[in-house]
């Protein structure tokens, strides 16, 4: 259980941090994958952080724009 909480906190912090530096690393595919994967989270805090990061990356990267829309469409 402690590991699950730590993983959620790590995912949340990672997404918020990546969102904050989106203008520097906007085209890094491994970062895009991490953010898009976090959009599937069942934890609301991690999901909100992923949405925050995705919105900042979408402003800078066409790859994230396309794949984020696909992820959101298929998950609803």
PDB file of N, CA and C in Angstrom:
ATOM      1  N   UNK A   1       0.821  -1.198   0.000  1.00  0.00           N
ATOM      2  CA  UNK A   1       0.000   0.000   0.000  1.00  0.00           C
ATOM      3  C   UNK A   1       0.865   1.261   0.000  1.00  0.00           C
ATOM      4  N   UNK A   2       1.913   1.243   0.792  1.00  0.00           N
ATOM      5  CA  UNK A   2       2.817   2.392   0.823  1.00  0.00           C
ATOM      6  C   UNK A   2       3.444   2.615  -0.549  1.00  0.00           C
ATOM      7  N   UNK A   3       3.750   1.541  -1.235  1.00  0.00           N
ATOM      8  CA  UNK A   3       4.334   1.641  -2.568  1.00  0.00           C
ATOM      9  C   UNK A   3       3.354   2.279  -3.538  1.00  0.00           C
ATOM     10  N   UNK A   4       2.068   1.942  -3.427  1.00  0.00           N
ATOM     11  CA  UNK A   4       1.054   2.536  -4.299  1.00  0.00           C
ATOM     12  C   UNK A   4       0.965   4.040  -4.080  1.00  0.00           C
ATOM     13  N   UNK A   5       0.988   4.464  -2.845  1.00  0.00           N
ATOM     14  CA  UNK A   5       0.920   5.894  -2.532  1.00  0.00           C
ATOM     15  C   UNK A   5       2.165   6.605  -3.052  1.00  0.00           C
ATOM     16  N   UNK A   6       3.317   5.993  -2.847  1.00  0.00           N
ATOM     17  CA  UNK A   6       4.565   6.585  -3.331  1.00  0.00           C
ATOM     18  C   UNK A   6       4.551   6.694  -4.854  1.00  0.00           C
ATOM     19  N   UNK A   7       4.042   5.681  -5.537  1.00  0.00           N
ATOM     20  CA  UNK A   7       3.968   5.709  -6.999  1.00  0.00           C
ATOM     21  C   UNK A   7       3.047   6.820  -7.474  1.00  0.00           C
ATOM     22  N   UNK A   8       1.919   7.010  -6.799  1.00  0.00           N
ATOM     23  CA  UNK A   8       1.001   8.087  -7.179  1.00  0.00           C
ATOM     24  C   UNK A   8       1.620   9.459  -6.953  1.00  0.00           C
ATOM     25  N   UNK A   9       2.298   9.619  -5.830  1.00  0.00           N
ATOM     26  CA  UNK A   9       2.965  10.896  -5.551  1.00  0.00           C
ATOM     27  C   UNK A   9       4.055  11.148  -6.585  1.00  0.00           C
ATOM     28  N   UNK A  10       4.830  10.113  -6.895  1.00  0.00           N
ATOM     29  CA  UNK A  10       5.889  10.261  -7.904  1.00  0.00           C
ATOM     30  C   UNK A  10       5.312  10.618  -9.266  1.00  0.00           C
ATOM     31  N   UNK A  11       4.233   9.949  -9.666  1.00  0.00           N
ATOM     32  CA  UNK A  11       3.600  10.245 -10.951  1.00  0.00           C
ATOM     33  C   UNK A  11       3.070  11.662 -11.014  1.00  0.00           C
ATOM     34  N   UNK A  12       2.475  12.093  -9.912  1.00  0.00           N
ATOM     35  CA  UNK A  12       1.935  13.445  -9.844  1.00  0.00           C
ATOM     36  C   UNK A  12       3.041  14.488  -9.936  1.00  0.00           C
ATOM     37  N   UNK A  13       4.083  14.300  -9.140  1.00  0.00           N
ATOM     38  CA  UNK A  13       5.206  15.246  -9.170  1.00  0.00           C
ATOM     39  C   UNK A  13       5.907  15.251 -10.519  1.00  0.00           C
ATOM     40  N   UNK A  14       6.045  14.076 -11.114  1.00  0.00           N
ATOM     41  CA  UNK A  14       6.682  13.986 -12.424  1.00  0.00           C
ATOM     42  C   UNK A  14       5.889  14.771 -13.463  1.00  0.00           C
ATOM     43  N   UNK A  15       4.584  14.574 -13.494  1.00  0.00           N
ATOM     44  CA  UNK A  15       3.763  15.283 -14.486  1.00  0.00           C
ATOM     45  C   UNK A  15       3.807  16.788 -14.281  1.00  0.00           C
ATOM     46  N   UNK A  16       3.712  17.223 -13.035  1.00  0.00           N
ATOM     47  CA  UNK A  16       3.763  18.667 -12.772  1.00  0.00           C
ATOM     48  C   UNK A  16       5.115  19.255 -13.173  1.00  0.00           C
ATOM     49  N   UNK A  17       6.181  18.546 -12.869  1.00  0.00           N
ATOM     50  CA  UNK A  17       7.523  19.025 -13.221  1.00  0.00           C
ATOM     51  C   UNK A  17       7.712  19.057 -14.728  1.00  0.00           C
ATOM     52  N   UNK A  18       7.299  17.985 -15.403  1.00  0.00           N
ATOM     53  CA  UNK A  18       7.434  17.951 -16.859  1.00  0.00           C
ATOM     54  C   UNK A  18       6.608  19.053 -17.517  1.00  0.00           C
ATOM     55  N   UNK A  19       5.420  19.301 -16.991  1.00  0.00           N
ATOM     56  CA  UNK A  19       4.594  20.389 -17.520  1.00  0.00           C
ATOM     57  C   UNK A  19       5.281  21.731 -17.371  1.00  0.00           C
ATOM     58  N   UNK A  20       5.985  21.898 -16.275  1.00  0.00           N
ATOM     59  CA  UNK A  20       6.665  23.169 -16.016  1.00  0.00           C
ATOM     60  C   UNK A  20       7.833  23.431 -16.960  1.00  0.00           C
ATOM     61  N   UNK A  21       8.415  22.368 -17.504  1.00  0.00           N
ATOM     62  CA  UNK A  21       9.543  22.548 -18.422  1.00  0.00           C
ATOM     63  C   UNK A  21       9.175  22.166 -19.857  1.00  0.00           C
ATOM     64  N   UNK A  22       7.906  22.179 -20.166  1.00  0.00           N
ATOM     65  CA  UNK A  22       7.427  21.793 -21.502  1.00  0.00           C
ATOM     66  C   UNK A  22       8.083  22.606 -22.609  1.00  0.00           C
ATOM     67  N   UNK A  23       8.318  23.878 -22.367  1.00  0.00           N
ATOM     68  CA  UNK A  23       8.898  24.719 -23.418  1.00  0.00           C
ATOM     69  C   UNK A  23      10.339  24.309 -23.753  1.00  0.00           C
ATOM     70  N   UNK A  24      10.997  23.602 -22.842  1.00  0.00           N
ATOM     71  CA  UNK A  24      12.383  23.185 -23.066  1.00  0.00           C
ATOM     72  C   UNK A  24      12.450  21.811 -23.723  1.00  0.00           C
ATOM     73  N   UNK A  25      11.554  20.903 -23.338  1.00  0.00           N
ATOM     74  CA  UNK A  25      11.634  19.512 -23.801  1.00  0.00           C
ATOM     75  C   UNK A  25      10.384  19.102 -24.579  1.00  0.00           C
ATOM     76  N   UNK A  26       9.832  20.012 -25.329  1.00  0.00           N
ATOM     77  CA  UNK A  26       8.533  19.811 -25.985  1.00  0.00           C
ATOM     78  C   UNK A  26       8.480  18.638 -26.951  1.00  0.00           C
ATOM     79  N   UNK A  27       9.572  18.246 -27.560  1.00  0.00           N
ATOM     80  CA  UNK A  27       9.529  17.193 -28.574  1.00  0.00           C
ATOM     81  C   UNK A  27      10.143  15.868 -28.127  1.00  0.00           C
ATOM     82  N   UNK A  28      10.332  15.680 -26.858  1.00  0.00           N
ATOM     83  CA  UNK A  28      10.899  14.418 -26.355  1.00  0.00           C
ATOM     84  C   UNK A  28       9.809  13.359 -26.266  1.00  0.00           C
ATOM     85  N   UNK A  29       9.913  12.325 -27.084  1.00  0.00           N
ATOM     86  CA  UNK A  29       8.875  11.284 -27.179  1.00  0.00           C
ATOM     87  C   UNK A  29       8.709  10.493 -25.879  1.00  0.00           C
ATOM     88  N   UNK A  30       9.803  10.232 -25.155  1.00  0.00           N
ATOM     89  CA  UNK A  30       9.675   9.487 -23.911  1.00  0.00           C
ATOM     90  C   UNK A  30       8.902  10.275 -22.860  1.00  0.00           C
ATOM     91  N   UNK A  31       9.024  11.578 -22.890  1.00  0.00           N
ATOM     92  CA  UNK A  31       8.260  12.428 -21.978  1.00  0.00           C
ATOM     93  C   UNK A  31       6.786  12.409 -22.378  1.00  0.00           C
ATOM     94  N   UNK A  32       6.519  12.472 -23.666  1.00  0.00           N
ATOM     95  CA  UNK A  32       5.139  12.413 -24.150  1.00  0.00           C
ATOM     96  C   UNK A  32       4.481  11.120 -23.680  1.00  0.00           C
ATOM     97  N   UNK A  33       5.214  10.022 -23.806  1.00  0.00           N
ATOM     98  CA  UNK A  33       4.675   8.723 -23.406  1.00  0.00           C
ATOM     99  C   UNK A  33       4.323   8.706 -21.913  1.00  0.00           C
ATOM    100  N   UNK A  34       5.184   9.261 -21.086  1.00  0.00           N
ATOM    101  CA  UNK A  34       4.920   9.303 -19.640  1.00  0.00           C
ATOM    102  C   UNK A  34       3.655  10.086 -19.324  1.00  0.00           C
ATOM    103  N   UNK A  35       3.495  11.211 -19.980  1.00  0.00           N
ATOM    104  CA  UNK A  35       2.319  12.052 -19.734  1.00  0.00           C
ATOM    105  C   UNK A  35       1.056  11.364 -20.234  1.00  0.00           C
ATOM    106  N   UNK A  36       1.116  10.825 -21.440  1.00  0.00           N
ATOM    107  CA  UNK A  36      -0.060  10.160 -22.015  1.00  0.00           C
ATOM    108  C   UNK A  36      -0.439   8.940 -21.182  1.00  0.00           C
ATOM    109  N   UNK A  37       0.549   8.213 -20.669  1.00  0.00           N
ATOM    110  CA  UNK A  37       0.264   7.069 -19.795  1.00  0.00           C
ATOM    111  C   UNK A  37      -0.424   7.515 -18.505  1.00  0.00           C
ATOM    112  N   UNK A  38      -0.014   8.659 -17.980  1.00  0.00           N
ATOM    113  CA  UNK A  38      -0.613   9.161 -16.746  1.00  0.00           C
ATOM    114  C   UNK A  38      -2.057   9.613 -16.948  1.00  0.00           C
ATOM    115  N   UNK A  39      -2.444   9.882 -18.186  1.00  0.00           N
ATOM    116  CA  UNK A  39      -3.844  10.242 -18.453  1.00  0.00           C
ATOM    117  C   UNK A  39      -4.787   9.067 -18.210  1.00  0.00           C
ATOM    118  N   UNK A  40      -4.241   7.854 -18.111  1.00  0.00           N
ATOM    119  CA  UNK A  40      -5.041   6.665 -17.808  1.00  0.00           C
ATOM    120  C   UNK A  40      -5.147   6.385 -16.312  1.00  0.00           C
ATOM    121  N   UNK A  41      -4.567   7.241 -15.487  1.00  0.00           N
ATOM    122  CA  UNK A  41      -4.553   7.023 -14.040  1.00  0.00           C
ATOM    123  C   UNK A  41      -5.965   7.046 -13.457  1.00  0.00           C
ATOM    124  N   UNK A  42      -6.164   6.233 -12.428  1.00  0.00           N
ATOM    125  CA  UNK A  42      -7.439   6.214 -11.713  1.00  0.00           C
ATOM    126  C   UNK A  42      -7.413   7.145 -10.508  1.00  0.00           C
ATOM    127  N   UNK A  43      -6.249   7.725 -10.236  1.00  0.00           N
ATOM    128  CA  UNK A  43      -6.106   8.669  -9.131  1.00  0.00           C
ATOM    129  C   UNK A  43      -6.366  10.080  -9.644  1.00  0.00           C
ATOM    130  N   UNK A  44      -7.293  10.788  -9.029  1.00  0.00           N
ATOM    131  CA  UNK A  44      -7.667  12.124  -9.499  1.00  0.00           C
ATOM    132  C   UNK A  44      -6.525  13.127  -9.455  1.00  0.00           C
ATOM    133  N   UNK A  45      -5.686  13.055  -8.432  1.00  0.00           N
ATOM    134  CA  UNK A  45      -4.577  14.007  -8.325  1.00  0.00           C
ATOM    135  C   UNK A  45      -3.573  13.778  -9.446  1.00  0.00           C
ATOM    136  N   UNK A  46      -3.227  12.511  -9.703  1.00  0.00           N
ATOM    137  CA  UNK A  46      -2.297  12.219 -10.799  1.00  0.00           C
ATOM    138  C   UNK A  46      -2.918  12.569 -12.147  1.00  0.00           C
ATOM    139  N   UNK A  47      -4.196  12.295 -12.302  1.00  0.00           N
ATOM    140  CA  UNK A  47      -4.887  12.622 -13.550  1.00  0.00           C
ATOM    141  C   UNK A  47      -4.890  14.127 -13.795  1.00  0.00           C
ATOM    142  N   UNK A  48      -5.162  14.910 -12.764  1.00  0.00           N
ATOM    143  CA  UNK A  48      -5.135  16.378 -12.906  1.00  0.00           C
ATOM    144  C   UNK A  48      -3.734  16.867 -13.273  1.00  0.00           C
ATOM    145  N   UNK A  49      -2.710  16.264 -12.677  1.00  0.00           N
ATOM    146  CA  UNK A  49      -1.331  16.641 -13.014  1.00  0.00           C
ATOM    147  C   UNK A  49      -1.019  16.279 -14.466  1.00  0.00           C
ATOM    148  N   UNK A  50      -1.512  15.128 -14.914  1.00  0.00           N
ATOM    149  CA  UNK A  50      -1.290  14.715 -16.305  1.00  0.00           C
ATOM    150  C   UNK A  50      -2.006  15.657 -17.269  1.00  0.00           C
ATOM    151  N   UNK A  51      -3.205  16.065 -16.920  1.00  0.00           N
ATOM    152  CA  UNK A  51      -3.948  17.014 -17.762  1.00  0.00           C
ATOM    153  C   UNK A  51      -3.210  18.349 -17.827  1.00  0.00           C
ATOM    154  N   UNK A  52      -2.697  18.788 -16.693  1.00  0.00           N
ATOM    155  CA  UNK A  52      -1.908  20.024 -16.642  1.00  0.00           C
ATOM    156  C   UNK A  52      -0.700  19.923 -17.576  1.00  0.00           C
ATOM    157  N   UNK A  53       0.055  18.823 -17.450  1.00  0.00           N
ATOM    158  CA  UNK A  53       1.244  18.641 -18.278  1.00  0.00           C
ATOM    159  C   UNK A  53       0.868  18.513 -19.753  1.00  0.00           C
ATOM    160  N   UNK A  54      -0.180  17.748 -20.041  1.00  0.00           N
ATOM    161  CA  UNK A  54      -0.595  17.551 -21.436  1.00  0.00           C
ATOM    162  C   UNK A  54      -1.013  18.872 -22.074  1.00  0.00           C
ATOM    163  N   UNK A  55      -1.688  19.711 -21.323  1.00  0.00           N
ATOM    164  CA  UNK A  55      -2.116  20.999 -21.896  1.00  0.00           C
ATOM    165  C   UNK A  55      -0.917  21.880 -22.212  1.00  0.00           C
ATOM    166  N   UNK A  56       0.096  21.871 -21.356  1.00  0.00           N
ATOM    167  CA  UNK A  56       1.296  22.671 -21.623  1.00  0.00           C
ATOM    168  C   UNK A  56       2.112  22.095 -22.784  1.00  0.00           C
ATOM    169  N   UNK A  57       2.192  20.774 -22.853  1.00  0.00           N
ATOM    170  CA  UNK A  57       2.909  20.150 -23.965  1.00  0.00           C
ATOM    171  C   UNK A  57       2.147  20.315 -25.271  1.00  0.00           C
ATOM    172  N   UNK A  58       0.833  20.238 -25.219  1.00  0.00           N
ATOM    173  CA  UNK A  58       0.030  20.387 -26.441  1.00  0.00           C
ATOM    174  C   UNK A  58       0.223  21.767 -27.057  1.00  0.00           C
ATOM    175  N   UNK A  59       0.505  22.752 -26.226  1.00  0.00           N
ATOM    176  CA  UNK A  59       0.750  24.098 -26.737  1.00  0.00           C
ATOM    177  C   UNK A  59       2.070  24.173 -27.514  1.00  0.00           C
ATOM    178  N   UNK A  60       2.972  23.212 -27.256  1.00  0.00           N
ATOM    179  CA  UNK A  60       4.301  23.247 -27.876  1.00  0.00           C
ATOM    180  C   UNK A  60       4.553  22.118 -28.874  1.00  0.00           C
ATOM    181  N   UNK A  61       3.780  21.031 -28.798  1.00  0.00           N
ATOM    182  CA  UNK A  61       4.098  19.833 -29.581  1.00  0.00           C
ATOM    183  C   UNK A  61       2.870  19.289 -30.306  1.00  0.00           C
ATOM    184  N   UNK A  62       2.955  19.146 -31.614  1.00  0.00           N
ATOM    185  CA  UNK A  62       1.852  18.576 -32.385  1.00  0.00           C
ATOM    186  C   UNK A  62       1.644  17.102 -32.046  1.00  0.00           C
ATOM    187  N   UNK A  63       2.720  16.385 -31.739  1.00  0.00           N
ATOM    188  CA  UNK A  63       2.606  14.973 -31.362  1.00  0.00           C
ATOM    189  C   UNK A  63       1.678  14.805 -30.150  1.00  0.00           C
ATOM    190  N   UNK A  64       1.871  15.632 -29.140  1.00  0.00           N
ATOM    191  CA  UNK A  64       1.037  15.540 -27.936  1.00  0.00           C
ATOM    192  C   UNK A  64      -0.389  15.956 -28.258  1.00  0.00           C
ATOM    193  N   UNK A  65      -0.573  16.950 -29.101  1.00  0.00           N
ATOM    194  CA  UNK A  65      -1.925  17.363 -29.483  1.00  0.00           C
ATOM    195  C   UNK A  65      -2.698  16.197 -30.071  1.00  0.00           C
ATOM    196  N   UNK A  66      -2.095  15.498 -30.993  1.00  0.00           N
ATOM    197  CA  UNK A  66      -2.767  14.391 -31.682  1.00  0.00           C
ATOM    198  C   UNK A  66      -3.022  13.220 -30.737  1.00  0.00           C
ATOM    199  N   UNK A  67      -2.006  12.787 -30.013  1.00  0.00           N
ATOM    200  CA  UNK A  67      -2.131  11.613 -29.169  1.00  0.00           C
ATOM    201  C   UNK A  67      -2.952  11.863 -27.912  1.00  0.00           C
ATOM    202  N   UNK A  68      -2.956  13.081 -27.416  1.00  0.00           N
ATOM    203  CA  UNK A  68      -3.775  13.388 -26.251  1.00  0.00           C
ATOM    204  C   UNK A  68      -5.248  13.337 -26.630  1.00  0.00           C
ATOM    205  N   UNK A  69      -5.593  13.875 -27.758  1.00  0.00           N
ATOM    206  CA  UNK A  69      -6.986  13.836 -28.220  1.00  0.00           C
ATOM    207  C   UNK A  69      -7.429  12.389 -28.404  1.00  0.00           C
ATOM    208  N   UNK A  70      -6.580  11.558 -29.013  1.00  0.00           N
ATOM    209  CA  UNK A  70      -6.904  10.146 -29.185  1.00  0.00           C
ATOM    210  C   UNK A  70      -7.116   9.460 -27.845  1.00  0.00           C
ATOM    211  N   UNK A  71      -6.244   9.716 -26.887  1.00  0.00           N
ATOM    212  CA  UNK A  71      -6.341   9.095 -25.567  1.00  0.00           C
ATOM    213  C   UNK A  71      -7.639   9.497 -24.877  1.00  0.00           C
ATOM    214  N   UNK A  72      -7.969  10.768 -24.918  1.00  0.00           N
ATOM    215  CA  UNK A  72      -9.181  11.256 -24.248  1.00  0.00           C
ATOM    216  C   UNK A  72     -10.433  10.705 -24.944  1.00  0.00           C
ATOM    217  N   UNK A  73     -10.438  10.656 -26.267  1.00  0.00           N
ATOM    218  CA  UNK A  73     -11.595  10.147 -26.995  1.00  0.00           C
ATOM    219  C   UNK A  73     -11.859   8.684 -26.689  1.00  0.00           C
ATOM    220  N   UNK A  74     -10.814   7.872 -26.626  1.00  0.00           N
ATOM    221  CA  UNK A  74     -10.990   6.440 -26.423  1.00  0.00           C
ATOM    222  C   UNK A  74     -11.254   6.081 -24.984  1.00  0.00           C
ATOM    223  N   UNK A  75     -10.934   6.964 -24.046  1.00  0.00           N
ATOM    224  CA  UNK A  75     -11.153   6.638 -22.639  1.00  0.00           C
ATOM    225  C   UNK A  75     -12.535   7.074 -22.152  1.00  0.00           C
ATOM    226  N   UNK A  76     -13.262   7.847 -22.932  1.00  0.00           N
ATOM    227  CA  UNK A  76     -14.588   8.286 -22.500  1.00  0.00           C
ATOM    228  C   UNK A  76     -15.676   7.399 -23.038  1.00  0.00           C
TER     229      UNK A  76
END
